[in-house]
Amino acid sequence: MNGRLIRLFLLGLFMLANPACQGSRGEPSATGGRRDELKVLTYNLWHGLNPTGVWRFSEYETPAERETRLQGFYRYARAFDPDVMFLEEVNPAPALTARIARDLGYDYSFEIDNAGMKIGAFGLPINLRSGLAILAKPDLGYRPLGGRKLSGPFGWTGRWSCLQFAEFRKAIAGSIVVNGRRVLLIGLHLHHGPEADEEIRAALQRLVDERRLTAARAAEIVATFNLASARRRGELQQALDLAHRLDPTDGPLILAGDFNASPDAPEMKWLRDERGFRSTTADDDPGRLLMTWDYRRNPNTHFFADFVPVNRFEPEVMQVLQEVIVKQTKRLDYLLYRRFDGLFAVRESGLFADEPVDGRFCSDHFGIQAAFAAGR
């Protein structure tokens, strides 16, 4: 195949990959829902895959075990009865999002963020077509607003085709109308490279003190982790640029998902201190901080003992980092909001799906749920 034909082929794939809406049902209402309360949930469903292999990624569980987890999620979702759900690691995104929406009675849209090479549902890896989803109750007039690639090398992921050789990160956007006012929704799943927090710095210093690592090499590793934080900062900026394009007035916005960062991470401080976002939970109070990654309580996290990380280091470094990064309790998931004065006030917020159902936790993460008191 000559170069011109290759370019035409890639252009055709890109056009297929770029639909205006990734999937929805229902027609938007002009006024949206009238209510005194708005309940919102963000939850990483967990695809249960380890990115090893070419034609098929290795799976940590059987289809029956995945179905058990999904039914557990349904039980929690029906009990909380959220008006809006942000979901991550929905796999396969088209079919599973549609199923959840049908089973629970929501309007929806989705964005595929990691899929490999696909034409429609066919391609490699055969069991990866993961993505983000927003679901909203029909009376809220949900409008899918597409999404944006936040980071990653050349390529694309879409409903009809995907060309991807490395990790992508994307945002999904939509809007609802509550008591006559439009609220923008942005769902995220940010880059999962570790941050150079105090625990990691202390662990690397111990290796230096034991003469198992040079100080210069430790500094290089910290710099690598600082790049991960910088990448997430860039992803957040891209998401906020998308939000501004969709709403130039910078009106009410809910920003939610798996941020893969602690409240003290530079990118989260920037979001809070410079961009004016607030969390539904007490992220600045260590005594009240909610942890969504809990290695001690949730055995699903233990599968990550052999997870292939973003960066590879010397064996002694990898061993220490596994102890610090995976086998710890962390806050990674957030419900954040902006410009809610006069529209919403946080009534309550807490963990979602933080206890097992029929002996099994529903994901490797716990979610965050919140109830807002809605003004008129």
Protein backbone atom coordinates (compact mmCIF):
# COMPACT_ATOMS: atom_id res chain seq x y z
CA MET A 1 0.00 0.00 0.00
CA ASN A 2 1.53 3.35 -1.01
CA GLY A 3 1.74 6.40 1.23
CA ARG A 4 -1.30 8.12 -0.28
CA LEU A 5 -3.54 5.10 0.28
CA ILE A 6 -2.31 4.80 3.87
CA ARG A 7 -3.16 8.46 4.51
CA LEU A 8 -6.63 8.00 3.00
CA PHE A 9 -7.18 4.89 5.13
CA LEU A 10 -6.17 6.70 8.33
CA LEU A 11 -8.36 9.69 7.41
CA GLY A 12 -11.33 7.37 6.92
CA LEU A 13 -10.74 5.78 10.30
CA PHE A 14 -10.52 9.21 11.96
CA MET A 15 -13.81 10.30 10.41
CA LEU A 16 -15.46 7.15 11.73
CA ALA A 17 -13.96 7.80 15.16
CA ASN A 18 -15.39 11.28 15.54
CA PRO A 19 -19.17 11.12 16.03
CA ALA A 20 -20.78 14.07 17.79
CA CYS A 21 -22.30 11.83 20.46
CA GLN A 22 -21.03 8.52 21.69
CA GLY A 23 -24.42 7.12 22.69
CA SER A 24 -27.54 8.40 24.36
CA ARG A 25 -31.25 8.00 24.78
CA GLY A 26 -34.04 10.41 25.51
CA GLU A 27 -34.73 13.98 24.38
CA PRO A 28 -33.53 16.96 26.45
CA SER A 29 -36.16 18.83 28.41
CA ALA A 30 -36.38 22.61 28.14
CA THR A 31 -36.63 23.17 31.88
CA GLY A 32 -35.07 20.06 33.39
CA GLY A 33 -35.90 18.62 36.76
CA ARG A 34 -37.60 20.54 39.55
CA ARG A 35 -36.24 19.31 42.83
CA ASP A 36 -35.02 20.25 46.27
CA GLU A 37 -32.05 17.88 46.15
CA LEU A 38 -29.56 16.61 43.58
CA LYS A 39 -27.67 13.40 44.32
CA VAL A 40 -24.42 12.73 42.46
CA LEU A 41 -22.07 9.76 42.34
CA THR A 42 -18.61 9.10 40.89
CA TYR A 43 -17.37 5.52 40.72
CA ASN A 44 -14.58 3.58 39.02
CA LEU A 45 -16.25 0.31 37.97
CA TRP A 46 -12.86 -1.41 37.44
CA HIS A 47 -12.33 -3.30 34.21
CA GLY A 48 -10.32 -6.00 36.01
CA LEU A 49 -7.59 -6.15 33.35
CA ASN A 50 -3.81 -6.21 33.48
CA PRO A 51 -2.34 -4.66 30.30
CA THR A 52 -0.19 -7.65 29.39
CA GLY A 53 -0.63 -9.49 26.13
CA VAL A 54 -1.33 -8.42 22.56
CA TRP A 55 -4.47 -10.13 21.31
CA ARG A 56 -6.10 -10.29 24.75
CA PHE A 57 -5.24 -8.58 28.05
CA SER A 58 -4.98 -10.86 31.05
CA GLU A 59 -8.05 -10.85 33.30
CA TYR A 60 -8.10 -11.00 37.07
CA GLU A 61 -11.53 -12.60 37.33
CA THR A 62 -14.09 -14.74 35.55
CA PRO A 63 -17.15 -13.36 33.72
CA ALA A 64 -19.30 -14.68 36.58
CA GLU A 65 -17.23 -12.76 39.12
CA ARG A 66 -17.54 -9.55 37.07
CA GLU A 67 -21.29 -10.04 36.92
CA THR A 68 -21.39 -10.47 40.69
CA ARG A 69 -19.57 -7.16 41.09
CA LEU A 70 -21.95 -5.45 38.68
CA GLN A 71 -24.98 -6.72 40.58
CA GLY A 72 -23.41 -5.41 43.77
CA PHE A 73 -23.00 -2.01 42.12
CA TYR A 74 -26.66 -2.12 41.12
CA ARG A 75 -27.66 -2.77 44.72
CA TYR A 76 -25.68 0.21 45.97
CA ALA A 77 -26.89 2.45 43.12
CA ARG A 78 -30.54 1.63 43.74
CA ALA A 79 -30.11 2.30 47.45
CA PHE A 80 -28.47 5.72 46.93
CA ASP A 81 -30.64 6.54 43.88
CA PRO A 82 -28.30 9.15 42.31
CA ASP A 83 -29.62 11.72 39.87
CA VAL A 84 -26.25 11.82 38.06
CA MET A 85 -23.53 9.16 37.82
CA PHE A 86 -19.97 9.56 36.58
CA LEU A 87 -18.39 6.18 35.80
CA GLU A 88 -14.84 5.21 34.85
CA GLU A 89 -13.34 1.97 33.47
CA VAL A 90 -16.63 0.97 31.90
CA ASN A 91 -15.66 -2.02 29.75
CA PRO A 92 -16.88 -2.49 27.09
CA ALA A 93 -18.09 1.10 27.22
CA PRO A 94 -20.79 0.99 24.50
CA ALA A 95 -22.56 -2.17 25.64
CA LEU A 96 -22.07 -1.87 29.40
CA THR A 97 -23.12 1.80 29.57
CA ALA A 98 -26.26 1.03 27.59
CA ARG A 99 -27.02 -1.93 29.84
CA ILE A 100 -26.61 0.07 33.06
CA ALA A 101 -28.76 2.86 31.67
CA ARG A 102 -31.48 0.40 30.64
CA ASP A 103 -31.41 -1.56 33.89
CA LEU A 104 -31.43 1.51 36.15
CA GLY A 105 -33.47 3.89 34.00
CA TYR A 106 -31.08 6.70 32.96
CA ASP A 107 -30.16 8.76 29.93
CA TYR A 108 -26.47 8.40 29.10
CA SER A 109 -23.43 9.03 26.98
CA PHE A 110 -19.98 7.47 26.89
CA GLU A 111 -16.46 8.08 25.60
CA ILE A 112 -13.99 5.31 24.81
CA ASP A 113 -10.56 6.17 26.23
CA ASN A 114 -8.54 2.95 25.95
CA ALA A 115 -9.20 0.31 23.31
CA GLY A 116 -6.10 -0.49 21.22
CA MET A 117 -6.80 -1.00 17.50
CA LYS A 118 -10.46 -1.42 16.59
CA ILE A 119 -12.94 -1.18 13.77
CA GLY A 120 -16.17 -1.02 15.71
CA ALA A 121 -15.97 -3.74 18.34
CA PHE A 122 -13.44 -5.84 16.40
CA GLY A 123 -9.68 -5.63 16.87
CA LEU A 124 -6.92 -6.03 19.43
CA PRO A 125 -6.90 -6.47 22.37
CA ILE A 126 -10.22 -8.25 21.97
CA ASN A 127 -11.35 -7.60 25.57
CA LEU A 128 -10.48 -3.90 25.86
CA ARG A 129 -12.91 -1.14 24.88
CA SER A 130 -12.92 0.79 28.12
CA GLY A 131 -14.26 4.25 28.71
CA LEU A 132 -16.03 6.95 30.67
CA ALA A 133 -19.77 7.40 31.08
CA ILE A 134 -22.24 9.95 32.40
CA LEU A 135 -25.76 8.85 33.31
CA ALA A 136 -28.59 11.15 34.36
CA LYS A 137 -32.23 10.73 35.28
CA PRO A 138 -34.55 11.46 32.34
CA ASP A 139 -36.25 14.47 33.93
CA LEU A 140 -32.94 16.39 34.06
CA GLY A 141 -32.83 16.94 30.29
CA TYR A 142 -29.40 15.38 29.88
CA ARG A 143 -27.50 16.53 26.79
CA PRO A 144 -24.38 14.63 25.70
CA LEU A 145 -21.66 17.12 24.74
CA GLY A 146 -18.94 14.79 23.49
CA GLY A 147 -15.47 14.75 24.96
CA ARG A 148 -11.84 15.59 24.48
CA LYS A 149 -8.54 13.75 24.40
CA LEU A 150 -6.54 15.17 27.31
CA SER A 151 -3.17 13.49 26.77
CA GLY A 152 -1.45 10.70 24.90
CA PRO A 153 0.50 10.19 21.67
CA PHE A 154 -0.85 10.20 18.13
CA GLY A 155 -4.05 8.26 17.64
CA TRP A 156 -7.70 8.32 18.57
CA THR A 157 -10.41 6.31 20.27
CA GLY A 158 -14.03 6.49 19.21
CA ARG A 159 -17.17 4.45 18.86
CA TRP A 160 -16.49 3.32 15.31
CA SER A 161 -12.72 3.03 15.23
CA CYS A 162 -9.64 3.26 17.45
CA LEU A 163 -5.95 3.61 16.70
CA GLN A 164 -3.99 3.53 19.93
CA PHE A 165 -0.57 2.21 20.93
CA ALA A 166 -0.16 3.83 24.36
CA GLU A 167 -2.21 5.20 27.24
CA PHE A 168 -4.73 7.94 26.43
CA ARG A 169 -6.64 10.10 28.88
CA LYS A 170 -9.94 11.72 27.95
CA ALA A 171 -12.80 13.76 29.36
CA ILE A 172 -16.52 13.27 28.81
CA ALA A 173 -18.95 16.18 28.88
CA GLY A 174 -22.69 16.64 29.25
CA SER A 175 -25.20 18.99 30.80
CA ILE A 176 -28.38 18.87 32.86
CA VAL A 177 -30.99 21.45 33.77
CA VAL A 178 -31.99 21.78 37.43
CA ASN A 179 -34.70 24.20 38.49
CA GLY A 180 -34.31 26.03 35.19
CA ARG A 181 -30.52 26.40 35.41
CA ARG A 182 -27.97 24.64 33.25
CA VAL A 183 -25.24 22.64 35.00
CA LEU A 184 -22.22 21.42 33.04
CA LEU A 185 -20.86 17.94 33.80
CA ILE A 186 -17.27 16.85 33.10
CA GLY A 187 -16.07 13.32 33.89
CA LEU A 188 -12.37 12.43 34.05
CA HIS A 189 -9.94 9.59 34.51
CA LEU A 190 -6.48 11.12 34.82
CA HIS A 191 -3.02 9.66 34.25
CA HIS A 192 -2.06 7.08 36.90
CA GLY A 193 1.67 7.76 37.23
CA PRO A 194 2.68 8.11 40.91
CA GLU A 195 3.16 11.47 42.57
CA ALA A 196 6.34 12.28 44.47
CA ASP A 197 4.67 12.49 47.86
CA GLU A 198 6.40 12.37 51.25
CA GLU A 199 6.10 8.58 51.50
CA ILE A 200 7.82 7.99 48.18
CA ARG A 201 10.56 10.50 48.94
CA ALA A 202 11.16 8.86 52.34
CA ALA A 203 11.26 5.38 50.77
CA LEU A 204 13.81 6.49 48.17
CA GLN A 205 15.91 8.19 50.86
CA ARG A 206 16.01 4.90 52.80
CA LEU A 207 17.44 3.19 49.71
CA VAL A 208 20.04 5.95 49.43
CA ASP A 209 20.92 5.61 53.13
CA GLU A 210 21.31 1.84 52.67
CA ARG A 211 23.57 2.47 49.65
CA ARG A 212 21.19 0.55 47.39
CA LEU A 213 20.53 3.66 45.31
CA THR A 214 22.56 6.76 44.52
CA ALA A 215 21.26 10.17 45.46
CA ALA A 216 21.42 11.21 41.80
CA ARG A 217 19.30 8.23 40.74
CA ALA A 218 16.77 8.97 43.50
CA ALA A 219 16.49 12.53 42.19
CA GLU A 220 15.89 11.21 38.66
CA ILE A 221 13.04 9.01 39.92
CA VAL A 222 11.46 11.91 41.80
CA ALA A 223 11.69 14.00 38.64
CA THR A 224 9.88 11.24 36.73
CA PHE A 225 7.06 11.30 39.27
CA ASN A 226 6.91 15.09 39.10
CA LEU A 227 6.33 14.70 35.37
CA ALA A 228 3.30 12.52 36.17
CA SER A 229 1.84 15.32 38.30
CA ALA A 230 2.60 17.81 35.53
CA ARG A 231 0.81 15.57 33.03
CA ARG A 232 -2.29 15.48 35.25
CA ARG A 233 -2.13 19.26 35.59
CA GLY A 234 -2.09 19.52 31.81
CA GLU A 235 -5.01 17.11 31.55
CA LEU A 236 -7.01 19.19 34.01
CA GLN A 237 -6.24 22.33 32.03
CA GLN A 238 -7.47 20.64 28.86
CA ALA A 239 -10.67 19.61 30.66
CA LEU A 240 -11.26 23.16 31.91
CA ASP A 241 -10.62 24.51 28.41
CA LEU A 242 -13.31 22.11 27.19
CA ALA A 243 -15.66 23.33 29.93
CA HIS A 244 -15.05 26.97 28.96
CA ARG A 245 -15.72 26.21 25.30
CA LEU A 246 -19.01 24.54 26.22
CA ASP A 247 -19.96 27.31 28.68
CA PRO A 248 -18.09 30.59 28.10
CA THR A 249 -19.85 32.09 31.15
CA ASP A 250 -18.00 29.59 33.39
CA GLY A 251 -21.25 28.76 35.13
CA PRO A 252 -22.11 25.85 37.45
CA LEU A 253 -19.88 22.85 36.82
CA ILE A 254 -19.46 19.42 38.39
CA LEU A 255 -16.00 17.92 37.76
CA ALA A 256 -15.76 14.30 38.88
CA GLY A 257 -13.91 11.05 38.47
CA ASP A 258 -10.72 9.16 39.25
CA PHE A 259 -7.99 11.81 39.48
CA ASN A 260 -5.20 9.43 40.58
CA ALA A 261 -3.85 12.13 42.91
CA SER A 262 -3.96 12.92 46.60
CA PRO A 263 -5.54 16.16 47.91
CA ASP A 264 -2.01 17.45 48.60
CA ALA A 265 -0.78 16.86 45.05
CA PRO A 266 0.28 20.06 43.23
CA GLU A 267 -2.34 19.59 40.53
CA MET A 268 -5.14 19.26 43.11
CA LYS A 269 -3.94 22.31 45.04
CA TRP A 270 -3.90 24.26 41.77
CA LEU A 271 -7.45 23.16 41.00
CA ARG A 272 -8.62 24.23 44.44
CA ASP A 273 -6.57 27.36 45.12
CA GLU A 274 -6.29 28.88 41.66
CA ARG A 275 -9.31 27.57 39.78
CA GLY A 276 -11.87 27.83 42.56
CA PHE A 277 -13.07 24.24 42.79
CA ARG A 278 -14.42 22.83 46.02
CA SER A 279 -14.78 19.23 47.08
CA THR A 280 -17.94 17.71 48.49
CA THR A 281 -15.81 16.14 51.23
CA ALA A 282 -13.34 17.44 53.82
CA ASP A 283 -10.18 16.86 51.77
CA ASP A 284 -8.17 19.39 53.81
CA ASP A 285 -8.82 17.62 57.13
CA PRO A 286 -6.65 14.48 57.62
CA GLY A 287 -8.96 13.29 60.38
CA ARG A 288 -11.99 13.30 58.07
CA LEU A 289 -10.33 12.46 54.75
CA LEU A 290 -12.17 9.71 52.87
CA MET A 291 -9.96 7.06 51.27
CA THR A 292 -11.13 5.50 48.02
CA TRP A 293 -8.14 3.16 47.55
CA ASP A 294 -7.88 0.97 50.64
CA TYR A 295 -5.43 -1.92 50.42
CA ARG A 296 -6.20 -3.11 53.93
CA ARG A 297 -9.96 -3.35 53.52
CA ASN A 298 -10.51 -4.09 49.84
CA PRO A 299 -8.84 -7.29 48.58
CA ASN A 300 -9.48 -6.34 44.95
CA THR A 301 -6.57 -3.93 45.27
CA HIS A 302 -4.24 -6.88 45.90
CA PHE A 303 -4.39 -7.87 42.24
CA PHE A 304 -2.16 -4.87 41.57
CA ALA A 305 0.80 -6.56 43.23
CA ASP A 306 1.72 -7.76 39.72
CA PHE A 307 0.28 -4.81 37.80
CA VAL A 308 2.50 -3.45 35.03
CA PRO A 309 3.30 0.14 36.10
CA VAL A 310 3.76 3.16 33.86
CA ASN A 311 7.48 3.37 34.65
CA ARG A 312 9.99 0.58 35.18
CA PHE A 313 12.87 0.98 37.62
CA GLU A 314 15.56 -1.14 39.26
CA PRO A 315 14.15 -4.25 41.06
CA GLU A 316 14.91 -2.86 44.52
CA VAL A 317 13.15 0.39 43.62
CA MET A 318 10.14 -1.45 42.19
CA GLN A 319 9.80 -3.49 45.37
CA VAL A 320 9.78 -0.41 47.57
CA LEU A 321 7.44 1.50 45.29
CA GLN A 322 4.93 -1.35 45.26
CA GLU A 323 4.83 -1.15 49.04
CA VAL A 324 4.38 2.62 49.01
CA ILE A 325 2.15 3.11 45.95
CA VAL A 326 -0.12 0.05 45.92
CA LYS A 327 -0.18 -1.25 49.47
CA GLN A 328 -1.32 1.98 51.07
CA THR A 329 -4.59 3.76 51.74
CA LYS A 330 -5.13 6.75 49.45
CA ARG A 331 -7.67 9.27 48.23
CA LEU A 332 -7.91 9.14 44.43
CA ASP A 333 -11.54 9.92 43.52
CA TYR A 334 -13.37 13.25 43.79
CA LEU A 335 -16.63 15.09 43.34
CA LEU A 336 -15.68 18.73 42.77
CA TYR A 337 -17.88 21.69 41.92
CA ARG A 338 -17.67 25.35 40.89
CA ARG A 339 -20.06 28.34 40.93
CA PHE A 340 -22.82 26.63 42.90
CA ASP A 341 -23.72 29.64 45.07
CA GLY A 342 -27.47 30.15 44.97
CA LEU A 343 -28.03 26.85 43.17
CA PHE A 344 -26.61 24.07 45.35
CA ALA A 345 -25.16 23.56 48.79
CA VAL A 346 -23.55 20.31 49.90
CA ARG A 347 -25.93 18.56 52.25
CA GLU A 348 -23.91 15.39 52.83
CA SER A 349 -21.15 13.35 51.20
CA GLY A 350 -19.42 10.05 51.84
CA LEU A 351 -18.06 6.83 50.43
CA PHE A 352 -20.01 4.69 47.98
CA ALA A 353 -19.82 0.87 47.81
CA ASP A 354 -17.30 0.64 50.64
CA GLU A 355 -18.64 -2.67 51.96
CA PRO A 356 -18.78 -6.03 50.16
CA VAL A 357 -21.96 -7.41 48.60
CA ASP A 358 -22.35 -11.18 48.89
CA GLY A 359 -18.75 -11.36 50.09
CA ARG A 360 -17.24 -9.36 47.21
CA PHE A 361 -16.36 -5.68 46.83
CA CYS A 362 -17.84 -4.10 43.70
CA SER A 363 -14.56 -2.56 42.47
CA ASP A 364 -10.96 -1.97 43.50
CA HIS A 365 -11.98 1.63 44.35
CA PHE A 366 -14.64 3.01 46.62
CA GLY A 367 -16.76 5.76 45.11
CA ILE A 368 -17.77 9.21 46.34
CA GLN A 369 -21.41 10.17 46.65
CA ALA A 370 -22.96 13.50 47.57
CA ALA A 371 -26.36 15.05 48.09
CA PHE A 372 -26.76 18.73 47.23
CA ALA A 373 -29.58 20.87 48.55
CA ALA A 374 -30.93 22.59 45.43
CA GLY A 375 -32.01 26.21 45.52
CA ARG A 376 -34.79 27.66 43.44
